[in-house]
Amino acid sequence: MSGAATGYDREYVPGEQLSPSQARSFLNCSARWAFKYYLSLPDPKSGAQLQGTAVHEAAAENFRQKLETREDLPAAGALAIFRDAWAAHRPEVDFRDDEDESELKAEGEQLTRQYLEDAAPGIQPAAVEMPVAGMIGGVRVRGYVDLLDTSGRVIDLKLKKRTPSGASFDEKFQLATYRTLAPAASGAGRVDVLVKKSKPELIQIDYAVTPAELTMVERLYPQVQAAIRGGVFTPNRGSNLCSRKYCPHWRVCEREFGGSVPE
C-alpha cells in the first residue's frame, strides 16, 4: 500500500493499542482498516450510522440518569436527547443517494420511543459507557462497555433491517473482550435488536461467552497486531459490505489493488 513504508515513523503507531471495533474492522476488511486508521482517509458516517448514534446516545443518557433515580426518562426527554445528538453529529454525515434524512430522523425517534417503552423498564444499570483496558494475548486493548446491568450482564443495543437468528461474530467477539477486561462482567450478554419495520420490533438475544471465545480473542488480537505491524492489508472483495454503496474508500481501493468494487 502506498505510503505504508513510512507510516510507522509517526509518533502515533496504528495497531499498538486495539479496541474490539478496530480488531473487528481489520478482520472484516484490512484494507478499509488501513485507509481509515493507517492513512487517516476521511470515513464519513452514513445516515443510518447517524441514526444509530443518536438512538444510542438517547438510551445511554436514560440509563446514566437511571443510575441515580432508578427511573427511566419520560419519552419527551429521551426524544429531546435524540434530537440534540442528531444535530451535534449531523455535520459528520454524508447521506447516501438512497437515504432520506427526514425519514431516517423520524424513524430514529420512533425507535428511541420503542426502546424506552419495551426494553428500558426491565433494565437496572450498574455502569454506562464504562471504560475498560488491559492486556489480551500480549496486546494492549481498550474499549467502552455501553451498558452493564446489576447482574453483571453486558447489554448491547443494535439497529437492524432484518430479524437476526442469533448473536453475530462481532457481538461475541466484543463480549469475550469485555469479559476478559472487566472484572464486573459476568460473561453473560444480551443483544437488544430494534428491527426497523413500520412498527419497530424488539428482539432480545441472550447468550454467554464460552471458553472457546475467550481463546479466540487471546489468539486473534496478537494476530491482528502482527498483520498491522507487517503492513499486510488486503481488501475483502467477497464481503457483502464490500460495495461502492457502503465503502467510502472504493476508488482508492481500486487504484491500490486493481479489480473493481461491486456496486
C-alpha atoms as a PDB file:
ATOM      1  CA  MET A   1       0.000   0.000   0.000  1.00  0.00           C
ATOM      2  CA  SER A   2       1.403   3.378  -0.992  1.00  0.00           C
ATOM      3  CA  GLY A   3       2.889   5.275   1.930  1.00  0.00           C
ATOM      4  CA  ALA A   4       2.860   2.276   4.253  1.00  0.00           C
ATOM      5  CA  ALA A   5       6.652   2.070   4.497  1.00  0.00           C
ATOM      6  CA  THR A   6       6.914   5.386   6.294  1.00  0.00           C
ATOM      7  CA  GLY A   7       3.695   5.185   8.290  1.00  0.00           C
ATOM      8  CA  TYR A   8       5.293   3.811  11.452  1.00  0.00           C
ATOM      9  CA  ASP A   9       7.710   6.750  11.681  1.00  0.00           C
ATOM     10  CA  ARG A  10       4.882   8.854  13.077  1.00  0.00           C
ATOM     11  CA  GLU A  11       4.506   9.339  16.825  1.00  0.00           C
ATOM     12  CA  TYR A  12       1.161   7.519  16.716  1.00  0.00           C
ATOM     13  CA  VAL A  13       1.667   3.882  15.763  1.00  0.00           C
ATOM     14  CA  PRO A  14      -1.539   2.256  14.459  1.00  0.00           C
ATOM     15  CA  GLY A  15      -2.305  -1.102  15.962  1.00  0.00           C
ATOM     16  CA  GLU A  16      -0.148  -0.769  19.070  1.00  0.00           C
ATOM     17  CA  GLN A  17      -3.359  -0.413  21.088  1.00  0.00           C
ATOM     18  CA  LEU A  18      -6.513  -2.012  19.743  1.00  0.00           C
ATOM     19  CA  SER A  19     -10.212  -1.905  20.535  1.00  0.00           C
ATOM     20  CA  PRO A  20     -12.849  -4.528  19.753  1.00  0.00           C
ATOM     21  CA  SER A  21     -14.214  -2.349  16.936  1.00  0.00           C
ATOM     22  CA  GLN A  22     -10.750  -1.846  15.415  1.00  0.00           C
ATOM     23  CA  ALA A  23      -9.950  -5.544  15.525  1.00  0.00           C
ATOM     24  CA  ARG A  24     -13.310  -6.473  14.002  1.00  0.00           C
ATOM     25  CA  SER A  25     -12.859  -3.801  11.339  1.00  0.00           C
ATOM     26  CA  PHE A  26      -9.467  -5.271  10.422  1.00  0.00           C
ATOM     27  CA  LEU A  27     -10.847  -8.798  10.279  1.00  0.00           C
ATOM     28  CA  ASN A  28     -13.763  -7.666   8.088  1.00  0.00           C
ATOM     29  CA  CYS A  29     -11.528  -5.779   5.630  1.00  0.00           C
ATOM     30  CA  SER A  30      -7.934  -4.954   6.489  1.00  0.00           C
ATOM     31  CA  ALA A  31      -7.663  -2.569   3.520  1.00  0.00           C
ATOM     32  CA  ARG A  32     -10.524  -0.448   4.798  1.00  0.00           C
ATOM     33  CA  TRP A  33      -8.954  -0.517   8.270  1.00  0.00           C
ATOM     34  CA  ALA A  34      -5.715   0.788   6.777  1.00  0.00           C
ATOM     35  CA  PHE A  35      -7.431   3.538   4.784  1.00  0.00           C
ATOM     36  CA  LYS A  36      -9.108   4.805   7.970  1.00  0.00           C
ATOM     37  CA  TYR A  37      -6.616   4.171  10.775  1.00  0.00           C
ATOM     38  CA  TYR A  38      -3.269   3.978   8.950  1.00  0.00           C
ATOM     39  CA  LEU A  39      -3.623   6.530   6.160  1.00  0.00           C
ATOM     40  CA  SER A  40      -6.269   8.606   8.019  1.00  0.00           C
ATOM     41  CA  LEU A  41      -8.511   8.981   4.979  1.00  0.00           C
ATOM     42  CA  PRO A  42     -11.947  10.521   5.649  1.00  0.00           C
ATOM     43  CA  ASP A  43     -14.550   7.929   6.616  1.00  0.00           C
ATOM     44  CA  PRO A  44     -17.808   9.872   6.975  1.00  0.00           C
ATOM     45  CA  LYS A  45     -20.830   8.349   8.671  1.00  0.00           C
ATOM     46  CA  SER A  46     -23.853   7.361   6.627  1.00  0.00           C
ATOM     47  CA  GLY A  47     -27.361   8.450   7.528  1.00  0.00           C
ATOM     48  CA  ALA A  48     -28.039   5.011   9.014  1.00  0.00           C
ATOM     49  CA  GLN A  49     -24.970   5.357  11.239  1.00  0.00           C
ATOM     50  CA  LEU A  50     -26.136   8.795  12.360  1.00  0.00           C
ATOM     51  CA  GLN A  51     -29.492   7.300  13.258  1.00  0.00           C
ATOM     52  CA  GLY A  52     -27.823   4.562  15.297  1.00  0.00           C
ATOM     53  CA  THR A  53     -25.570   7.038  17.088  1.00  0.00           C
ATOM     54  CA  ALA A  54     -28.479   9.273  18.083  1.00  0.00           C
ATOM     55  CA  VAL A  55     -30.591   6.341  19.349  1.00  0.00           C
ATOM     56  CA  HIS A  56     -27.629   5.036  21.343  1.00  0.00           C
ATOM     57  CA  GLU A  57     -26.951   8.431  22.922  1.00  0.00           C
ATOM     58  CA  ALA A  58     -30.584   8.817  23.967  1.00  0.00           C
ATOM     59  CA  ALA A  59     -30.579   5.329  25.528  1.00  0.00           C
ATOM     60  CA  ALA A  60     -27.228   5.923  27.249  1.00  0.00           C
ATOM     61  CA  GLU A  61     -28.392   9.179  28.813  1.00  0.00           C
ATOM     62  CA  ASN A  62     -31.565   7.483  30.008  1.00  0.00           C
ATOM     63  CA  PHE A  63     -29.564   4.781  31.793  1.00  0.00           C
ATOM     64  CA  ARG A  64     -26.999   7.258  33.071  1.00  0.00           C
ATOM     65  CA  GLN A  65     -29.625   9.193  34.984  1.00  0.00           C
ATOM     66  CA  LYS A  66     -31.352   5.948  35.977  1.00  0.00           C
ATOM     67  CA  LEU A  67     -28.234   5.041  37.973  1.00  0.00           C
ATOM     68  CA  GLU A  68     -29.300   7.782  40.381  1.00  0.00           C
ATOM     69  CA  THR A  69     -33.087   7.931  40.078  1.00  0.00           C
ATOM     70  CA  ARG A  70     -33.819   4.256  39.284  1.00  0.00           C
ATOM     71  CA  GLU A  71     -36.464   5.565  36.888  1.00  0.00           C
ATOM     72  CA  ASP A  72     -36.481   5.938  33.115  1.00  0.00           C
ATOM     73  CA  LEU A  73     -36.777   9.281  31.414  1.00  0.00           C
ATOM     74  CA  PRO A  74     -40.173  10.328  30.063  1.00  0.00           C
ATOM     75  CA  ALA A  75     -40.474   9.846  26.325  1.00  0.00           C
ATOM     76  CA  ALA A  76     -40.259  13.594  25.671  1.00  0.00           C
ATOM     77  CA  GLY A  77     -36.933  13.794  27.491  1.00  0.00           C
ATOM     78  CA  ALA A  78     -35.411  10.874  25.595  1.00  0.00           C
ATOM     79  CA  LEU A  79     -36.596  12.287  22.268  1.00  0.00           C
ATOM     80  CA  ALA A  80     -35.037  15.664  23.101  1.00  0.00           C
ATOM     81  CA  ILE A  81     -31.693  13.920  23.674  1.00  0.00           C
ATOM     82  CA  PHE A  82     -32.073  12.056  20.368  1.00  0.00           C
ATOM     83  CA  ARG A  83     -32.667  15.337  18.515  1.00  0.00           C
ATOM     84  CA  ASP A  84     -29.724  17.047  20.206  1.00  0.00           C
ATOM     85  CA  ALA A  85     -27.460  14.130  19.278  1.00  0.00           C
ATOM     86  CA  TRP A  86     -28.731  14.200  15.703  1.00  0.00           C
ATOM     87  CA  ALA A  87     -27.936  17.910  15.398  1.00  0.00           C
ATOM     88  CA  ALA A  88     -24.499  17.510  17.010  1.00  0.00           C
ATOM     89  CA  HIS A  89     -23.365  14.684  14.694  1.00  0.00           C
ATOM     90  CA  ARG A  90     -25.129  15.845  11.521  1.00  0.00           C
ATOM     91  CA  PRO A  91     -22.024  17.702  10.165  1.00  0.00           C
ATOM     92  CA  GLU A  92     -20.062  14.420  10.181  1.00  0.00           C
ATOM     93  CA  VAL A  93     -22.523  12.674   7.855  1.00  0.00           C
ATOM     94  CA  ASP A  94     -22.533  12.030   4.120  1.00  0.00           C
ATOM     95  CA  PHE A  95     -26.029  10.757   3.305  1.00  0.00           C
ATOM     96  CA  ARG A  96     -26.102   8.113   0.593  1.00  0.00           C
ATOM     97  CA  ASP A  97     -28.218   8.608  -2.519  1.00  0.00           C
ATOM     98  CA  ASP A  98     -30.868   6.193  -1.236  1.00  0.00           C
ATOM     99  CA  GLU A  99     -31.127   7.810   2.216  1.00  0.00           C
ATOM    100  CA  ASP A 100     -33.745  10.408   3.081  1.00  0.00           C
ATOM    101  CA  GLU A 101     -32.704  12.472   6.094  1.00  0.00           C
ATOM    102  CA  SER A 102     -36.192  13.365   7.298  1.00  0.00           C
ATOM    103  CA  GLU A 103     -37.363   9.750   7.053  1.00  0.00           C
ATOM    104  CA  LEU A 104     -34.328   8.449   8.931  1.00  0.00           C
ATOM    105  CA  LYS A 105     -34.760  11.035  11.673  1.00  0.00           C
ATOM    106  CA  ALA A 106     -38.462  10.246  12.114  1.00  0.00           C
ATOM    107  CA  GLU A 107     -37.715   6.526  12.176  1.00  0.00           C
ATOM    108  CA  GLY A 108     -34.961   7.114  14.759  1.00  0.00           C
ATOM    109  CA  GLU A 109     -37.388   8.928  17.027  1.00  0.00           C
ATOM    110  CA  GLN A 110     -39.800   6.015  16.736  1.00  0.00           C
ATOM    111  CA  LEU A 111     -37.013   3.538  17.560  1.00  0.00           C
ATOM    112  CA  THR A 112     -35.985   5.591  20.594  1.00  0.00           C
ATOM    113  CA  ARG A 113     -39.532   5.645  21.919  1.00  0.00           C
ATOM    114  CA  GLN A 114     -39.914   1.910  21.301  1.00  0.00           C
ATOM    115  CA  TYR A 115     -36.751   1.069  23.227  1.00  0.00           C
ATOM    116  CA  LEU A 116     -37.725   3.239  26.177  1.00  0.00           C
ATOM    117  CA  GLU A 117     -41.140   1.567  26.297  1.00  0.00           C
ATOM    118  CA  ASP A 118     -40.237  -2.075  25.648  1.00  0.00           C
ATOM    119  CA  ALA A 119     -36.703  -2.632  26.965  1.00  0.00           C
ATOM    120  CA  ALA A 120     -35.609   0.078  29.370  1.00  0.00           C
ATOM    121  CA  PRO A 121     -38.105  -0.652  32.195  1.00  0.00           C
ATOM    122  CA  GLY A 122     -36.627  -4.118  32.674  1.00  0.00           C
ATOM    123  CA  ILE A 123     -33.009  -2.901  32.915  1.00  0.00           C
ATOM    124  CA  GLN A 124     -31.327  -1.647  36.079  1.00  0.00           C
ATOM    125  CA  PRO A 125     -27.913  -0.319  35.062  1.00  0.00           C
ATOM    126  CA  ALA A 126     -24.746  -0.709  37.115  1.00  0.00           C
ATOM    127  CA  ALA A 127     -22.473   1.161  34.678  1.00  0.00           C
ATOM    128  CA  VAL A 128     -22.957   3.131  31.463  1.00  0.00           C
ATOM    129  CA  GLU A 129     -20.222   3.628  28.848  1.00  0.00           C
ATOM    130  CA  MET A 130     -17.714   2.116  31.267  1.00  0.00           C
ATOM    131  CA  PRO A 131     -14.088   2.355  30.054  1.00  0.00           C
ATOM    132  CA  VAL A 132     -12.086  -0.872  30.222  1.00  0.00           C
ATOM    133  CA  ALA A 133      -8.442  -1.552  29.383  1.00  0.00           C
ATOM    134  CA  GLY A 134      -5.867  -4.284  29.795  1.00  0.00           C
ATOM    135  CA  MET A 135      -3.770  -6.892  28.011  1.00  0.00           C
ATOM    136  CA  ILE A 136      -5.160  -9.663  25.833  1.00  0.00           C
ATOM    137  CA  GLY A 137      -2.675 -12.030  24.258  1.00  0.00           C
ATOM    138  CA  GLY A 138       0.103  -9.548  24.961  1.00  0.00           C
ATOM    139  CA  VAL A 139      -1.748  -6.718  23.179  1.00  0.00           C
ATOM    140  CA  ARG A 140      -2.977  -3.557  24.852  1.00  0.00           C
ATOM    141  CA  VAL A 141      -6.748  -3.421  24.359  1.00  0.00           C
ATOM    142  CA  ARG A 142      -9.229  -0.802  25.452  1.00  0.00           C
ATOM    143  CA  GLY A 143     -12.912  -0.161  24.899  1.00  0.00           C
ATOM    144  CA  TYR A 144     -16.180   1.003  26.387  1.00  0.00           C
ATOM    145  CA  VAL A 145     -18.909  -1.237  27.766  1.00  0.00           C
ATOM    146  CA  ASP A 146     -22.085   0.514  26.648  1.00  0.00           C
ATOM    147  CA  LEU A 147     -24.245  -0.924  29.415  1.00  0.00           C
ATOM    148  CA  LEU A 148     -23.610  -3.263  32.330  1.00  0.00           C
ATOM    149  CA  ASP A 149     -26.601  -4.242  34.451  1.00  0.00           C
ATOM    150  CA  THR A 150     -26.626  -5.072  38.143  1.00  0.00           C
ATOM    151  CA  SER A 151     -26.265  -8.804  37.442  1.00  0.00           C
ATOM    152  CA  GLY A 152     -23.023  -8.248  35.522  1.00  0.00           C
ATOM    153  CA  ARG A 153     -24.669  -8.759  32.136  1.00  0.00           C
ATOM    154  CA  VAL A 154     -23.427  -6.715  29.169  1.00  0.00           C
ATOM    155  CA  ILE A 155     -26.341  -5.355  27.140  1.00  0.00           C
ATOM    156  CA  ASP A 156     -25.731  -4.113  23.608  1.00  0.00           C
ATOM    157  CA  LEU A 157     -28.277  -2.166  21.558  1.00  0.00           C
ATOM    158  CA  LYS A 158     -28.345  -2.711  17.790  1.00  0.00           C
ATOM    159  CA  LEU A 159     -30.490  -1.370  14.949  1.00  0.00           C
ATOM    160  CA  LYS A 160     -31.009  -3.798  12.076  1.00  0.00           C
ATOM    161  CA  LYS A 161     -33.169  -4.089   8.999  1.00  0.00           C
ATOM    162  CA  ARG A 162     -33.781  -7.815   9.376  1.00  0.00           C
ATOM    163  CA  THR A 163     -34.597 -10.084  12.293  1.00  0.00           C
ATOM    164  CA  PRO A 164     -31.343 -11.774  13.426  1.00  0.00           C
ATOM    165  CA  SER A 165     -31.128 -15.515  14.013  1.00  0.00           C
ATOM    166  CA  GLY A 166     -28.696 -15.150  16.913  1.00  0.00           C
ATOM    167  CA  ALA A 167     -25.692 -13.235  18.207  1.00  0.00           C
ATOM    168  CA  SER A 168     -23.205 -12.326  15.483  1.00  0.00           C
ATOM    169  CA  PHE A 169     -19.448 -12.901  15.438  1.00  0.00           C
ATOM    170  CA  ASP A 170     -18.897  -9.197  16.140  1.00  0.00           C
ATOM    171  CA  GLU A 171     -21.123  -9.335  19.209  1.00  0.00           C
ATOM    172  CA  LYS A 172     -19.477 -12.486  20.553  1.00  0.00           C
ATOM    173  CA  PHE A 173     -16.010 -11.048  19.957  1.00  0.00           C
ATOM    174  CA  GLN A 174     -16.961  -7.888  21.832  1.00  0.00           C
ATOM    175  CA  LEU A 175     -18.438  -9.764  24.812  1.00  0.00           C
ATOM    176  CA  ALA A 176     -15.386 -12.034  25.080  1.00  0.00           C
ATOM    177  CA  THR A 177     -13.181  -8.940  25.098  1.00  0.00           C
ATOM    178  CA  TYR A 178     -15.175  -7.271  27.854  1.00  0.00           C
ATOM    179  CA  ARG A 179     -15.342 -10.475  29.895  1.00  0.00           C
ATOM    180  CA  THR A 180     -11.549 -10.572  29.792  1.00  0.00           C
ATOM    181  CA  LEU A 181     -11.037  -6.901  30.659  1.00  0.00           C
ATOM    182  CA  ALA A 182     -13.876  -6.094  33.054  1.00  0.00           C
ATOM    183  CA  PRO A 183     -13.953  -7.907  36.426  1.00  0.00           C
ATOM    184  CA  ALA A 184     -17.596  -6.865  36.916  1.00  0.00           C
ATOM    185  CA  ALA A 185     -18.704  -8.520  33.658  1.00  0.00           C
ATOM    186  CA  SER A 186     -20.103 -11.971  34.409  1.00  0.00           C
ATOM    187  CA  GLY A 187     -19.742 -13.350  30.891  1.00  0.00           C
ATOM    188  CA  ALA A 188     -23.469 -13.134  30.232  1.00  0.00           C
ATOM    189  CA  GLY A 189     -24.665 -10.862  27.474  1.00  0.00           C
ATOM    190  CA  ARG A 190     -27.789  -9.754  25.698  1.00  0.00           C
ATOM    191  CA  VAL A 191     -28.254  -8.065  22.356  1.00  0.00           C
ATOM    192  CA  ASP A 192     -31.318  -5.838  22.179  1.00  0.00           C
ATOM    193  CA  VAL A 193     -32.113  -5.579  18.475  1.00  0.00           C
ATOM    194  CA  LEU A 194     -34.533  -2.977  17.198  1.00  0.00           C
ATOM    195  CA  VAL A 195     -35.682  -4.333  13.847  1.00  0.00           C
ATOM    196  CA  LYS A 196     -36.583  -1.433  11.594  1.00  0.00           C
ATOM    197  CA  LYS A 197     -40.109  -2.096  10.369  1.00  0.00           C
ATOM    198  CA  SER A 198     -43.181   0.142  10.027  1.00  0.00           C
ATOM    199  CA  LYS A 199     -43.680  -0.687  13.703  1.00  0.00           C
ATOM    200  CA  PRO A 200     -40.255  -1.453  15.206  1.00  0.00           C
ATOM    201  CA  GLU A 201     -39.841  -4.917  16.686  1.00  0.00           C
ATOM    202  CA  LEU A 202     -37.641  -5.565  19.727  1.00  0.00           C
ATOM    203  CA  ILE A 203     -35.738  -8.858  19.626  1.00  0.00           C
ATOM    204  CA  GLN A 204     -33.682  -9.766  22.723  1.00  0.00           C
ATOM    205  CA  ILE A 205     -30.947 -12.363  22.258  1.00  0.00           C
ATOM    206  CA  ASP A 206     -29.372 -13.812  25.411  1.00  0.00           C
ATOM    207  CA  TYR A 207     -26.021 -15.539  25.157  1.00  0.00           C
ATOM    208  CA  ALA A 208     -22.936 -16.275  27.250  1.00  0.00           C
ATOM    209  CA  VAL A 209     -19.265 -16.153  26.411  1.00  0.00           C
ATOM    210  CA  THR A 210     -17.694 -19.593  26.046  1.00  0.00           C
ATOM    211  CA  PRO A 211     -14.151 -20.773  26.852  1.00  0.00           C
ATOM    212  CA  ALA A 212     -13.583 -21.157  23.099  1.00  0.00           C
ATOM    213  CA  GLU A 213     -14.493 -17.498  22.540  1.00  0.00           C
ATOM    214  CA  LEU A 214     -12.099 -16.387  25.278  1.00  0.00           C
ATOM    215  CA  THR A 215      -9.402 -18.393  23.481  1.00  0.00           C
ATOM    216  CA  MET A 216     -10.451 -16.735  20.228  1.00  0.00           C
ATOM    217  CA  VAL A 217      -9.762 -13.184  21.438  1.00  0.00           C
ATOM    218  CA  GLU A 218      -6.478 -14.292  23.064  1.00  0.00           C
ATOM    219  CA  ARG A 219      -5.306 -15.511  19.653  1.00  0.00           C
ATOM    220  CA  LEU A 220      -6.867 -13.004  17.285  1.00  0.00           C
ATOM    221  CA  TYR A 221      -5.693  -9.767  18.911  1.00  0.00           C
ATOM    222  CA  PRO A 222      -1.981 -10.646  18.558  1.00  0.00           C
ATOM    223  CA  GLN A 223      -2.527 -11.928  15.020  1.00  0.00           C
ATOM    224  CA  VAL A 224      -4.263  -8.699  14.035  1.00  0.00           C
ATOM    225  CA  GLN A 225      -1.447  -6.677  15.585  1.00  0.00           C
ATOM    226  CA  ALA A 226       1.205  -8.763  13.823  1.00  0.00           C
ATOM    227  CA  ALA A 227      -0.513  -8.258  10.470  1.00  0.00           C
ATOM    228  CA  ILE A 228      -0.705  -4.495  11.055  1.00  0.00           C
ATOM    229  CA  ARG A 229       2.970  -4.333  12.005  1.00  0.00           C
ATOM    230  CA  GLY A 230       3.819  -6.311   8.892  1.00  0.00           C
ATOM    231  CA  GLY A 231       1.844  -3.968   6.659  1.00  0.00           C
ATOM    232  CA  VAL A 232      -0.429  -6.772   5.445  1.00  0.00           C
ATOM    233  CA  PHE A 233      -3.561  -5.006   4.189  1.00  0.00           C
ATOM    234  CA  THR A 234      -5.852  -6.616   1.630  1.00  0.00           C
ATOM    235  CA  PRO A 235      -9.429  -5.907   0.517  1.00  0.00           C
ATOM    236  CA  ASN A 236     -12.153  -8.404   1.314  1.00  0.00           C
ATOM    237  CA  ARG A 237     -13.933  -8.223  -2.030  1.00  0.00           C
ATOM    238  CA  GLY A 238     -16.076 -11.233  -1.157  1.00  0.00           C
ATOM    239  CA  SER A 239     -17.755  -9.485   1.770  1.00  0.00           C
ATOM    240  CA  ASN A 240     -21.342  -8.284   1.392  1.00  0.00           C
ATOM    241  CA  LEU A 241     -20.133  -4.973   2.882  1.00  0.00           C
ATOM    242  CA  CYS A 242     -17.624  -4.521   0.047  1.00  0.00           C
ATOM    243  CA  SER A 243     -19.514  -2.194  -2.257  1.00  0.00           C
ATOM    244  CA  ARG A 244     -19.440   1.327  -3.600  1.00  0.00           C
ATOM    245  CA  LYS A 245     -22.598   1.901  -1.589  1.00  0.00           C
ATOM    246  CA  TYR A 246     -21.116   1.022   1.797  1.00  0.00           C
ATOM    247  CA  CYS A 247     -17.402   1.858   1.494  1.00  0.00           C
ATOM    248  CA  PRO A 248     -16.232   5.474   1.038  1.00  0.00           C
ATOM    249  CA  HIS A 249     -12.759   4.233   0.013  1.00  0.00           C
ATOM    250  CA  TRP A 250     -13.741   2.204  -3.041  1.00  0.00           C
ATOM    251  CA  ARG A 251     -11.933   4.486  -5.504  1.00  0.00           C
ATOM    252  CA  VAL A 252      -8.588   4.366  -3.702  1.00  0.00           C
ATOM    253  CA  CYS A 253      -9.110   0.632  -3.129  1.00  0.00           C
ATOM    254  CA  GLU A 254      -9.395   0.076  -6.879  1.00  0.00           C
ATOM    255  CA  ARG A 255      -6.297   2.203  -7.502  1.00  0.00           C
ATOM    256  CA  GLU A 256      -4.249   0.347  -4.876  1.00  0.00           C
ATOM    257  CA  PHE A 257      -5.370  -3.215  -5.527  1.00  0.00           C
ATOM    258  CA  GLY A 258      -6.897  -3.244  -9.002  1.00  0.00           C
ATOM    259  CA  GLY A 259     -10.081  -5.035  -9.902  1.00  0.00           C
ATOM    260  CA  SER A 260     -13.429  -3.418  -9.264  1.00  0.00           C
ATOM    261  CA  VAL A 261     -15.532  -2.876  -6.164  1.00  0.00           C
ATOM    262  CA  PRO A 262     -19.136  -4.054  -6.650  1.00  0.00           C
ATOM    263  CA  GLU A 263     -21.946  -1.526  -6.956  1.00  0.00           C
END
